[in-house]
PDB file of N, CA and C in Angstrom:
ATOM      1  N   MET A   1      31.070   7.365  30.469  1.00  0.00           N
ATOM      2  CA  MET A   1      29.989   6.050  30.746  1.00  0.00           C
ATOM      3  C   MET A   1      29.229   6.344  29.783  1.00  0.00           C
ATOM      4  N   MET A   2      28.620   8.095  30.008  1.00  0.00           N
ATOM      5  CA  MET A   2      27.809   8.275  28.254  1.00  0.00           C
ATOM      6  C   MET A   2      28.197   7.500  27.594  1.00  0.00           C
ATOM      7  N   ARG A   3      29.267   7.379  26.227  1.00  0.00           N
ATOM      8  CA  ARG A   3      29.023   6.963  25.410  1.00  0.00           C
ATOM      9  C   ARG A   3      28.825   5.387  25.456  1.00  0.00           C
ATOM     10  N   LYS A   4      29.840   4.776  26.655  1.00  0.00           N
ATOM     11  CA  LYS A   4      29.163   3.163  26.519  1.00  0.00           C
ATOM     12  C   LYS A   4      27.691   3.004  26.821  1.00  0.00           C
ATOM     13  N   ARG A   5      26.566   4.054  27.089  1.00  0.00           N
ATOM     14  CA  ARG A   5      25.234   3.349  27.045  1.00  0.00           C
ATOM     15  C   ARG A   5      25.418   4.335  25.653  1.00  0.00           C
ATOM     16  N   LEU A   6      25.687   5.327  24.633  1.00  0.00           N
ATOM     17  CA  LEU A   6      24.976   5.432  23.007  1.00  0.00           C
ATOM     18  C   LEU A   6      25.333   4.019  22.100  1.00  0.00           C
ATOM     19  N   PHE A   7      26.631   2.919  22.351  1.00  0.00           N
ATOM     20  CA  PHE A   7      26.867   2.112  22.200  1.00  0.00           C
ATOM     21  C   PHE A   7      25.619   1.058  22.412  1.00  0.00           C
ATOM     22  N   LEU A   8      25.558   0.342  23.490  1.00  0.00           N
ATOM     23  CA  LEU A   8      24.818  -0.197  24.151  1.00  0.00           C
ATOM     24  C   LEU A   8      22.995  -0.112  23.269  1.00  0.00           C
ATOM     25  N   ALA A   9      23.050   1.519  23.215  1.00  0.00           N
ATOM     26  CA  ALA A   9      21.595   1.426  22.682  1.00  0.00           C
ATOM     27  C   ALA A   9      21.716   1.323  21.507  1.00  0.00           C
ATOM     28  N   LEU A  10      22.649   1.181  20.722  1.00  0.00           N
ATOM     29  CA  LEU A  10      22.848   1.515  19.243  1.00  0.00           C
ATOM     30  C   LEU A  10      22.863  -0.274  18.676  1.00  0.00           C
ATOM     31  N   GLY A  11      23.172  -0.982  19.648  1.00  0.00           N
ATOM     32  CA  GLY A  11      23.415  -1.993  19.343  1.00  0.00           C
ATOM     33  C   GLY A  11      21.904  -3.241  20.324  1.00  0.00           C
ATOM     34  N   LEU A  12      21.649  -2.046  21.109  1.00  0.00           N
ATOM     35  CA  LEU A  12      20.443  -2.771  20.828  1.00  0.00           C
ATOM     36  C   LEU A  12      18.961  -2.689  19.877  1.00  0.00           C
ATOM     37  N   ALA A  13      19.417  -1.198  19.534  1.00  0.00           N
ATOM     38  CA  ALA A  13      18.530  -1.075  18.084  1.00  0.00           C
ATOM     39  C   ALA A  13      18.463  -1.686  17.012  1.00  0.00           C
ATOM     40  N   SER A  14      20.051  -1.997  17.072  1.00  0.00           N
ATOM     41  CA  SER A  14      19.918  -2.581  15.677  1.00  0.00           C
ATOM     42  C   SER A  14      19.416  -3.736  16.013  1.00  0.00           C
ATOM     43  N   THR A  15      19.632  -4.696  16.457  1.00  0.00           N
ATOM     44  CA  THR A  15      19.326  -5.796  17.641  1.00  0.00           C
ATOM     45  C   THR A  15      17.830  -6.398  16.978  1.00  0.00           C
ATOM     46  N   LEU A  16      17.129  -5.432  17.722  1.00  0.00           N
ATOM     47  CA  LEU A  16      15.411  -5.380  17.890  1.00  0.00           C
ATOM     48  C   LEU A  16      14.974  -4.591  16.309  1.00  0.00           C
ATOM     49  N   GLY A  17      15.847  -4.438  15.577  1.00  0.00           N
ATOM     50  CA  GLY A  17      15.357  -4.413  14.454  1.00  0.00           C
ATOM     51  C   GLY A  17      14.857  -3.130  14.036  1.00  0.00           C
ATOM     52  N   VAL A  18      14.964  -1.856  14.750  1.00  0.00           N
ATOM     53  CA  VAL A  18      14.749  -0.346  14.775  1.00  0.00           C
ATOM     54  C   VAL A  18      15.352   0.143  13.740  1.00  0.00           C
ATOM     55  N   TRP A  19      16.388   0.269  12.819  1.00  0.00           N
ATOM     56  CA  TRP A  19      16.841   0.362  11.708  1.00  0.00           C
ATOM     57  C   TRP A  19      16.600  -0.693  10.936  1.00  0.00           C
ATOM     58  N   SER A  20      16.239  -1.125  10.359  1.00  0.00           N
ATOM     59  CA  SER A  20      14.927  -2.338   9.382  1.00  0.00           C
ATOM     60  C   SER A  20      15.411  -1.436   8.331  1.00  0.00           C
ATOM     61  N   PRO A  21      15.714  -1.908   6.526  1.00  0.00           N
ATOM     62  CA  PRO A  21      15.226  -1.253   5.833  1.00  0.00           C
ATOM     63  C   PRO A  21      13.479  -0.789   6.214  1.00  0.00           C
ATOM     64  N   VAL A  22      13.028   0.030   5.007  1.00  0.00           N
ATOM     65  CA  VAL A  22      12.059   0.483   4.927  1.00  0.00           C
ATOM     66  C   VAL A  22      11.311  -0.488   4.386  1.00  0.00           C
ATOM     67  N   HIS A  23      11.161  -1.574   3.656  1.00  0.00           N
ATOM     68  CA  HIS A  23      10.439  -1.884   2.814  1.00  0.00           C
ATOM     69  C   HIS A  23      10.474  -3.814   4.174  1.00  0.00           C
ATOM     70  N   ALA A  24       9.674  -3.809   3.735  1.00  0.00           N
ATOM     71  CA  ALA A  24       9.531  -5.470   3.511  1.00  0.00           C
ATOM     72  C   ALA A  24       9.438  -6.606   2.567  1.00  0.00           C
ATOM     73  N   ALA A  25       9.555  -7.630   2.803  1.00  0.00           N
ATOM     74  CA  ALA A  25       9.914  -8.636   1.862  1.00  0.00           C
ATOM     75  C   ALA A  25       8.548  -8.276   0.872  1.00  0.00           C
ATOM     76  N   PRO A  26       8.941  -8.201  -0.292  1.00  0.00           N
ATOM     77  CA  PRO A  26       7.968  -8.302  -1.656  1.00  0.00           C
ATOM     78  C   PRO A  26       6.889  -9.494  -1.597  1.00  0.00           C
ATOM     79  N   ILE A  27       5.654  -8.443  -2.275  1.00  0.00           N
ATOM     80  CA  ILE A  27       4.840  -9.401  -2.439  1.00  0.00           C
ATOM     81  C   ILE A  27       4.448  -9.333  -3.741  1.00  0.00           C
ATOM     82  N   SER A  28       3.653 -10.227  -4.091  1.00  0.00           N
ATOM     83  CA  SER A  28       3.305 -10.801  -5.320  1.00  0.00           C
ATOM     84  C   SER A  28       2.442  -9.850  -6.612  1.00  0.00           C
ATOM     85  N   ARG A  29       2.376 -10.438  -7.108  1.00  0.00           N
ATOM     86  CA  ARG A  29       1.764  -9.303  -8.699  1.00  0.00           C
ATOM     87  C   ARG A  29      -0.163  -9.436  -8.028  1.00  0.00           C
ATOM     88  N   GLU A  30      -0.564 -10.639  -7.554  1.00  0.00           N
ATOM     89  CA  GLU A  30      -1.856 -11.033  -7.249  1.00  0.00           C
ATOM     90  C   GLU A  30      -1.776 -10.267  -5.508  1.00  0.00           C
ATOM     91  N   ALA A  31      -1.194 -10.336  -4.620  1.00  0.00           N
ATOM     92  CA  ALA A  31      -1.423  -9.817  -3.597  1.00  0.00           C
ATOM     93  C   ALA A  31      -1.614  -8.735  -3.278  1.00  0.00           C
ATOM     94  N   LEU A  32      -0.766  -7.644  -4.453  1.00  0.00           N
ATOM     95  CA  LEU A  32      -0.965  -6.320  -4.875  1.00  0.00           C
ATOM     96  C   LEU A  32      -2.118  -5.760  -5.318  1.00  0.00           C
ATOM     97  N   GLU A  33      -2.649  -6.794  -6.312  1.00  0.00           N
ATOM     98  CA  GLU A  33      -3.806  -6.745  -7.145  1.00  0.00           C
ATOM     99  C   GLU A  33      -4.965  -6.330  -5.823  1.00  0.00           C
ATOM    100  N   ARG A  34      -4.860  -7.748  -4.742  1.00  0.00           N
ATOM    101  CA  ARG A  34      -5.649  -7.940  -4.003  1.00  0.00           C
ATOM    102  C   ARG A  34      -5.768  -6.472  -2.420  1.00  0.00           C
ATOM    103  N   GLN A  35      -4.700  -6.320  -2.771  1.00  0.00           N
ATOM    104  CA  GLN A  35      -4.649  -4.998  -1.988  1.00  0.00           C
ATOM    105  C   GLN A  35      -4.827  -3.898  -2.530  1.00  0.00           C
ATOM    106  N   LEU A  36      -4.947  -3.497  -3.384  1.00  0.00           N
ATOM    107  CA  LEU A  36      -5.370  -2.459  -3.778  1.00  0.00           C
ATOM    108  C   LEU A  36      -7.126  -2.404  -4.020  1.00  0.00           C
ATOM    109  N   LEU A  37      -7.192  -3.622  -4.451  1.00  0.00           N
ATOM    110  CA  LEU A  37      -9.091  -3.192  -4.443  1.00  0.00           C
ATOM    111  C   LEU A  37      -9.635  -3.710  -2.735  1.00  0.00           C
ATOM    112  N   ASP A  38      -8.913  -3.659  -2.059  1.00  0.00           N
ATOM    113  CA  ASP A  38      -9.613  -3.847  -0.741  1.00  0.00           C
ATOM    114  C   ASP A  38      -8.867  -2.176   0.092  1.00  0.00           C
ATOM    115  N   THR A  39      -7.984  -1.568  -0.453  1.00  0.00           N
ATOM    116  CA  THR A  39      -7.884   0.047  -0.059  1.00  0.00           C
ATOM    117  C   THR A  39      -9.503   0.257  -0.570  1.00  0.00           C
ATOM    118  N   CYS A  40      -9.229   0.812  -2.085  1.00  0.00           N
ATOM    119  CA  CYS A  40     -10.512   1.228  -3.173  1.00  0.00           C
ATOM    120  C   CYS A  40     -11.162   0.713  -1.654  1.00  0.00           C
ATOM    121  N   ILE A  41     -11.308   0.219  -1.437  1.00  0.00           N
ATOM    122  CA  ILE A  41     -12.926  -0.241  -0.824  1.00  0.00           C
ATOM    123  C   ILE A  41     -13.235   0.367   0.492  1.00  0.00           C
ATOM    124  N   TYR A  42     -12.299  -0.056   1.115  1.00  0.00           N
ATOM    125  CA  TYR A  42     -12.221   1.051   2.669  1.00  0.00           C
ATOM    126  C   TYR A  42     -11.990   2.737   2.367  1.00  0.00           C
ATOM    127  N   ARG A  43     -11.498   3.071   1.068  1.00  0.00           N
ATOM    128  CA  ARG A  43     -11.707   4.434   1.398  1.00  0.00           C
ATOM    129  C   ARG A  43     -13.031   4.945   0.041  1.00  0.00           C
ATOM    130  N   GLN A  44     -13.466   4.266  -0.564  1.00  0.00           N
ATOM    131  CA  GLN A  44     -14.951   4.813  -0.984  1.00  0.00           C
ATOM    132  C   GLN A  44     -15.772   4.274  -0.565  1.00  0.00           C
ATOM    133  N   PHE A  45     -15.699   3.770   0.977  1.00  0.00           N
ATOM    134  CA  PHE A  45     -17.063   2.680   1.648  1.00  0.00           C
ATOM    135  C   PHE A  45     -16.798   4.473   2.352  1.00  0.00           C
ATOM    136  N   ALA A  46     -16.323   4.947   2.651  1.00  0.00           N
ATOM    137  CA  ALA A  46     -16.354   6.264   3.533  1.00  0.00           C
ATOM    138  C   ALA A  46     -16.572   7.806   2.856  1.00  0.00           C
ATOM    139  N   VAL A  47     -16.639   7.595   1.499  1.00  0.00           N
ATOM    140  CA  VAL A  47     -16.931   9.073   0.557  1.00  0.00           C
ATOM    141  C   VAL A  47     -19.063   8.805   0.535  1.00  0.00           C
ATOM    142  N   LYS A  48     -19.202   9.550   0.763  1.00  0.00           N
ATOM    143  CA  LYS A  48     -20.767   9.940   0.814  1.00  0.00           C
ATOM    144  C   LYS A  48     -21.582   9.840   0.131  1.00  0.00           C
ATOM    145  N   ASP A  49     -21.178  10.464  -1.004  1.00  0.00           N
ATOM    146  CA  ASP A  49     -22.228  10.248  -2.616  1.00  0.00           C
ATOM    147  C   ASP A  49     -21.519   8.524  -3.129  1.00  0.00           C
ATOM    148  N   VAL A  50     -20.727   7.851  -2.784  1.00  0.00           N
ATOM    149  CA  VAL A  50     -20.856   6.536  -2.968  1.00  0.00           C
ATOM    150  C   VAL A  50     -21.874   5.303  -3.494  1.00  0.00           C
ATOM    151  N   ARG A  51     -22.022   5.382  -5.196  1.00  0.00           N
ATOM    152  CA  ARG A  51     -23.277   3.889  -5.262  1.00  0.00           C
ATOM    153  C   ARG A  51     -22.947   2.515  -4.360  1.00  0.00           C
ATOM    154  N   ARG A  52     -22.808   2.132  -3.183  1.00  0.00           N
ATOM    155  CA  ARG A  52     -22.760   1.233  -2.956  1.00  0.00           C
ATOM    156  C   ARG A  52     -23.038  -0.190  -3.447  1.00  0.00           C
ATOM    157  N   ALA A  53     -24.119  -0.148  -4.089  1.00  0.00           N
ATOM    158  CA  ALA A  53     -24.704  -1.168  -5.289  1.00  0.00           C
ATOM    159  C   ALA A  53     -23.150  -1.778  -6.006  1.00  0.00           C
ATOM    160  N   SER A  54     -22.825  -0.830  -6.683  1.00  0.00           N
ATOM    161  CA  SER A  54     -21.479  -0.452  -7.593  1.00  0.00           C
ATOM    162  C   SER A  54     -19.954  -0.548  -7.076  1.00  0.00           C
ATOM    163  N   MET A  55     -19.973   0.062  -6.095  1.00  0.00           N
ATOM    164  CA  MET A  55     -19.018   0.252  -5.368  1.00  0.00           C
ATOM    165  C   MET A  55     -18.038  -1.015  -5.390  1.00  0.00           C
ATOM    166  N   VAL A  56     -18.182  -2.183  -5.357  1.00  0.00           N
ATOM    167  CA  VAL A  56     -17.357  -3.064  -5.732  1.00  0.00           C
ATOM    168  C   VAL A  56     -16.563  -3.270  -7.031  1.00  0.00           C
ATOM    169  N   GLU A  57     -17.700  -3.102  -8.167  1.00  0.00           N
ATOM    170  CA  GLU A  57     -17.691  -3.566  -9.116  1.00  0.00           C
ATOM    171  C   GLU A  57     -16.641  -2.785  -9.691  1.00  0.00           C
ATOM    172  N   ASP A  58     -16.924  -0.892  -9.277  1.00  0.00           N
ATOM    173  CA  ASP A  58     -16.091   0.122  -9.675  1.00  0.00           C
ATOM    174  C   ASP A  58     -14.360  -0.297  -8.938  1.00  0.00           C
ATOM    175  N   CYS A  59     -14.367  -0.448  -7.543  1.00  0.00           N
ATOM    176  CA  CYS A  59     -13.485  -1.226  -7.027  1.00  0.00           C
ATOM    177  C   CYS A  59     -12.193  -1.895  -7.759  1.00  0.00           C
ATOM    178  N   ARG A  60     -13.066  -3.179  -8.384  1.00  0.00           N
ATOM    179  CA  ARG A  60     -11.987  -3.994  -9.461  1.00  0.00           C
ATOM    180  C   ARG A  60     -11.447  -3.523 -10.592  1.00  0.00           C
ATOM    181  N   CYS A  61     -12.540  -2.585 -11.187  1.00  0.00           N
ATOM    182  CA  CYS A  61     -11.854  -1.567 -12.143  1.00  0.00           C
ATOM    183  C   CYS A  61     -11.041  -1.437 -11.260  1.00  0.00           C
ATOM    184  N   ALA A  62     -10.670  -0.313 -10.293  1.00  0.00           N
ATOM    185  CA  ALA A  62      -9.814   0.506 -10.272  1.00  0.00           C
ATOM    186  C   ALA A  62      -8.123  -0.201 -10.178  1.00  0.00           C
ATOM    187  N   SER A  63      -8.347  -1.312  -9.580  1.00  0.00           N
ATOM    188  CA  SER A  63      -7.381  -2.429  -8.819  1.00  0.00           C
ATOM    189  C   SER A  63      -6.899  -2.676  -9.978  1.00  0.00           C
ATOM    190  N   ARG A  64      -7.377  -3.499 -10.966  1.00  0.00           N
ATOM    191  CA  ARG A  64      -7.313  -3.775 -12.419  1.00  0.00           C
ATOM    192  C   ARG A  64      -6.282  -2.461 -12.768  1.00  0.00           C
ATOM    193  N   THR A  65      -7.300  -1.254 -13.190  1.00  0.00           N
ATOM    194  CA  THR A  65      -6.384   0.203 -14.039  1.00  0.00           C
ATOM    195  C   THR A  65      -5.178   0.295 -13.365  1.00  0.00           C
ATOM    196  N   ALA A  66      -4.986   0.101 -12.291  1.00  0.00           N
ATOM    197  CA  ALA A  66      -3.649   0.325 -11.273  1.00  0.00           C
ATOM    198  C   ALA A  66      -2.512  -0.399 -11.657  1.00  0.00           C
ATOM    199  N   MET A  67      -3.268  -1.753 -11.680  1.00  0.00           N
ATOM    200  CA  MET A  67      -2.064  -2.909 -11.679  1.00  0.00           C
ATOM    201  C   MET A  67      -1.863  -2.840 -13.329  1.00  0.00           C
ATOM    202  N   LYS A  68      -2.508  -1.825 -14.244  1.00  0.00           N
ATOM    203  CA  LYS A  68      -1.717  -1.843 -15.632  1.00  0.00           C
ATOM    204  C   LYS A  68      -0.172  -0.729 -15.976  1.00  0.00           C
ATOM    205  N   GLY A  69      -0.471  -0.024 -14.758  1.00  0.00           N
ATOM    206  CA  GLY A  69       0.561   0.369 -15.091  1.00  0.00           C
ATOM    207  C   GLY A  69       1.735   0.386 -14.698  1.00  0.00           C
ATOM    208  N   VAL A  70       1.873  -1.140 -13.909  1.00  0.00           N
ATOM    209  CA  VAL A  70       2.801  -1.430 -12.781  1.00  0.00           C
ATOM    210  C   VAL A  70       3.623  -2.726 -13.762  1.00  0.00           C
ATOM    211  N   GLU A  71       4.764  -3.121 -13.474  1.00  0.00           N
ATOM    212  CA  GLU A  71       5.610  -3.885 -14.123  1.00  0.00           C
ATOM    213  C   GLU A  71       6.001  -4.737 -13.539  1.00  0.00           C
ATOM    214  N   GLY A  72       6.731  -5.672 -13.738  1.00  0.00           N
ATOM    215  CA  GLY A  72       7.011  -6.992 -12.800  1.00  0.00           C
ATOM    216  C   GLY A  72       5.741  -7.976 -12.284  1.00  0.00           C
ATOM    217  N   SER A  73       7.044  -8.296 -11.543  1.00  0.00           N
ATOM    218  CA  SER A  73       5.767  -9.547 -10.812  1.00  0.00           C
ATOM    219  C   SER A  73       5.993  -9.369  -9.529  1.00  0.00           C
ATOM    220  N   SER A  74       6.715  -8.612  -8.854  1.00  0.00           N
ATOM    221  CA  SER A  74       6.836  -8.442  -7.512  1.00  0.00           C
ATOM    222  C   SER A  74       6.929  -7.136  -6.895  1.00  0.00           C
ATOM    223  N   PHE A  75       6.493  -6.942  -5.772  1.00  0.00           N
ATOM    224  CA  PHE A  75       6.182  -5.326  -5.652  1.00  0.00           C
ATOM    225  C   PHE A  75       6.814  -5.160  -3.859  1.00  0.00           C
ATOM    226  N   ASP A  76       7.606  -3.984  -3.970  1.00  0.00           N
ATOM    227  CA  ASP A  76       8.083  -3.635  -2.512  1.00  0.00           C
ATOM    228  C   ASP A  76       6.689  -3.212  -1.913  1.00  0.00           C
ATOM    229  N   GLN A  77       6.280  -3.643  -0.497  1.00  0.00           N
ATOM    230  CA  GLN A  77       4.995  -3.073   0.074  1.00  0.00           C
ATOM    231  C   GLN A  77       5.891  -2.797   1.630  1.00  0.00           C
ATOM    232  N   PRO A  78       5.975  -1.689   1.791  1.00  0.00           N
ATOM    233  CA  PRO A  78       6.433  -0.338   3.490  1.00  0.00           C
ATOM    234  C   PRO A  78       5.699  -1.425   4.508  1.00  0.00           C
ATOM    235  N   ARG A  79       6.763  -1.700   5.551  1.00  0.00           N
ATOM    236  CA  ARG A  79       6.578  -1.919   6.592  1.00  0.00           C
ATOM    237  C   ARG A  79       4.915  -1.961   7.008  1.00  0.00           C
ATOM    238  N   SER A  80       4.536  -1.142   6.857  1.00  0.00           N
ATOM    239  CA  SER A  80       3.041  -0.501   7.724  1.00  0.00           C
ATOM    240  C   SER A  80       2.222  -1.738   6.703  1.00  0.00           C
ATOM    241  N   GLY A  81       2.148  -2.334   5.898  1.00  0.00           N
ATOM    242  CA  GLY A  81       1.439  -2.819   5.256  1.00  0.00           C
ATOM    243  C   GLY A  81       0.396  -2.046   4.499  1.00  0.00           C
ATOM    244  N   GLY A  82       0.445  -0.937   4.215  1.00  0.00           N
ATOM    245  CA  GLY A  82       0.258   0.159   3.451  1.00  0.00           C
ATOM    246  C   GLY A  82       0.839   0.339   2.251  1.00  0.00           C
ATOM    247  N   LEU A  83       0.520   0.972   1.050  1.00  0.00           N
ATOM    248  CA  LEU A  83       0.838   1.119  -0.246  1.00  0.00           C
ATOM    249  C   LEU A  83       1.871   1.873  -0.361  1.00  0.00           C
ATOM    250  N   THR A  84       2.724   2.288  -1.126  1.00  0.00           N
ATOM    251  CA  THR A  84       3.782   3.039  -1.543  1.00  0.00           C
ATOM    252  C   THR A  84       3.504   4.099  -2.591  1.00  0.00           C
ATOM    253  N   ALA A  85       4.215   5.371  -2.123  1.00  0.00           N
ATOM    254  CA  ALA A  85       3.087   6.694  -2.797  1.00  0.00           C
ATOM    255  C   ALA A  85       3.131   6.451  -3.743  1.00  0.00           C
ATOM    256  N   GLN A  86       3.720   5.766  -4.472  1.00  0.00           N
ATOM    257  CA  GLN A  86       3.697   5.056  -6.429  1.00  0.00           C
ATOM    258  C   GLN A  86       2.567   4.817  -6.560  1.00  0.00           C
ATOM    259  N   GLN A  87       2.087   3.566  -5.692  1.00  0.00           N
ATOM    260  CA  GLN A  87       0.607   2.564  -5.663  1.00  0.00           C
ATOM    261  C   GLN A  87      -0.338   3.187  -5.322  1.00  0.00           C
ATOM    262  N   ASP A  88       0.314   3.866  -4.231  1.00  0.00           N
ATOM    263  CA  ASP A  88      -0.937   5.311  -3.774  1.00  0.00           C
ATOM    264  C   ASP A  88      -1.578   6.069  -4.866  1.00  0.00           C
ATOM    265  N   GLN A  89      -0.039   7.013  -5.734  1.00  0.00           N
ATOM    266  CA  GLN A  89      -1.275   7.929  -6.769  1.00  0.00           C
ATOM    267  C   GLN A  89      -1.629   7.093  -7.693  1.00  0.00           C
ATOM    268  N   ALA A  90      -1.445   5.617  -8.055  1.00  0.00           N
ATOM    269  CA  ALA A  90      -2.267   5.031  -9.508  1.00  0.00           C
ATOM    270  C   ALA A  90      -3.330   4.816  -8.855  1.00  0.00           C
ATOM    271  N   LEU A  91      -3.465   4.393  -7.989  1.00  0.00           N
ATOM    272  CA  LEU A  91      -4.921   4.231  -7.603  1.00  0.00           C
ATOM    273  C   LEU A  91      -5.340   5.354  -7.248  1.00  0.00           C
ATOM    274  N   LYS A  92      -4.714   5.787  -6.715  1.00  0.00           N
ATOM    275  CA  LYS A  92      -5.998   7.835  -6.846  1.00  0.00           C
ATOM    276  C   LYS A  92      -6.810   7.785  -8.047  1.00  0.00           C
ATOM    277  N   ALA A  93      -5.437   7.588  -9.215  1.00  0.00           N
ATOM    278  CA  ALA A  93      -5.890   8.224 -10.776  1.00  0.00           C
ATOM    279  C   ALA A  93      -6.966   6.855 -11.361  1.00  0.00           C
ATOM    280  N   ALA A  94      -6.552   5.743 -10.468  1.00  0.00           N
ATOM    281  CA  ALA A  94      -7.387   4.462 -11.224  1.00  0.00           C
ATOM    282  C   ALA A  94      -9.563   4.632 -10.890  1.00  0.00           C
ATOM    283  N   ILE A  95      -9.362   5.026  -9.322  1.00  0.00           N
ATOM    284  CA  ILE A  95     -10.567   5.561  -8.930  1.00  0.00           C
ATOM    285  C   ILE A  95     -10.806   6.537  -9.531  1.00  0.00           C
ATOM    286  N   ALA A  96      -9.862   7.660 -10.140  1.00  0.00           N
ATOM    287  CA  ALA A  96     -10.895   9.100 -10.453  1.00  0.00           C
ATOM    288  C   ALA A  96     -11.584   8.408 -11.915  1.00  0.00           C
ATOM    289  N   ALA A  97     -11.009   7.465 -12.338  1.00  0.00           N
ATOM    290  CA  ALA A  97     -11.399   6.458 -14.294  1.00  0.00           C
ATOM    291  C   ALA A  97     -12.587   5.802 -14.117  1.00  0.00           C
ATOM    292  N   CYS A  98     -12.424   5.275 -12.721  1.00  0.00           N
ATOM    293  CA  CYS A  98     -13.369   4.237 -12.777  1.00  0.00           C
ATOM    294  C   CYS A  98     -14.421   4.525 -11.623  1.00  0.00           C
ATOM    295  N   PHE A  99     -14.490   5.613 -10.910  1.00  0.00           N
ATOM    296  CA  PHE A  99     -15.897   5.858 -10.689  1.00  0.00           C
ATOM    297  C   PHE A  99     -16.639   7.530 -10.918  1.00  0.00           C
ATOM    298  N   LYS A 100     -17.839   7.077 -11.787  1.00  0.00           N
ATOM    299  CA  LYS A 100     -17.471   8.419 -12.499  1.00  0.00           C
ATOM    300  C   LYS A 100     -18.864   8.349 -12.463  1.00  0.00           C
ATOM    301  N   GLY A 101     -19.792   8.399 -11.547  1.00  0.00           N
ATOM    302  CA  GLY A 101     -20.774   8.803 -10.777  1.00  0.00           C
ATOM    303  C   GLY A 101     -21.645   8.336 -11.315  1.00  0.00           C
TER     304      GLY A 101
END
């Protein structure tokens, strides 16, 4: 009986997509650059001493700089809709380079 329930649970989980791949459909280069820009603005808005007048331009710089380090025309996007660890590291480095104070 317990074995039957386990197989039913596994079948239901696979049907509902619980064990689907970690990555959703790939996104384009332009979409990734926009996502990097949005993430930068969201993060930097929470920083206390960021100059709001130049924040958007500095984030544009950061998203362009982060994109220079990636190759290809399509990229993986986590199911969460966020950034992969590699994309996040590239953005953090680019923010450090573009936000000079």
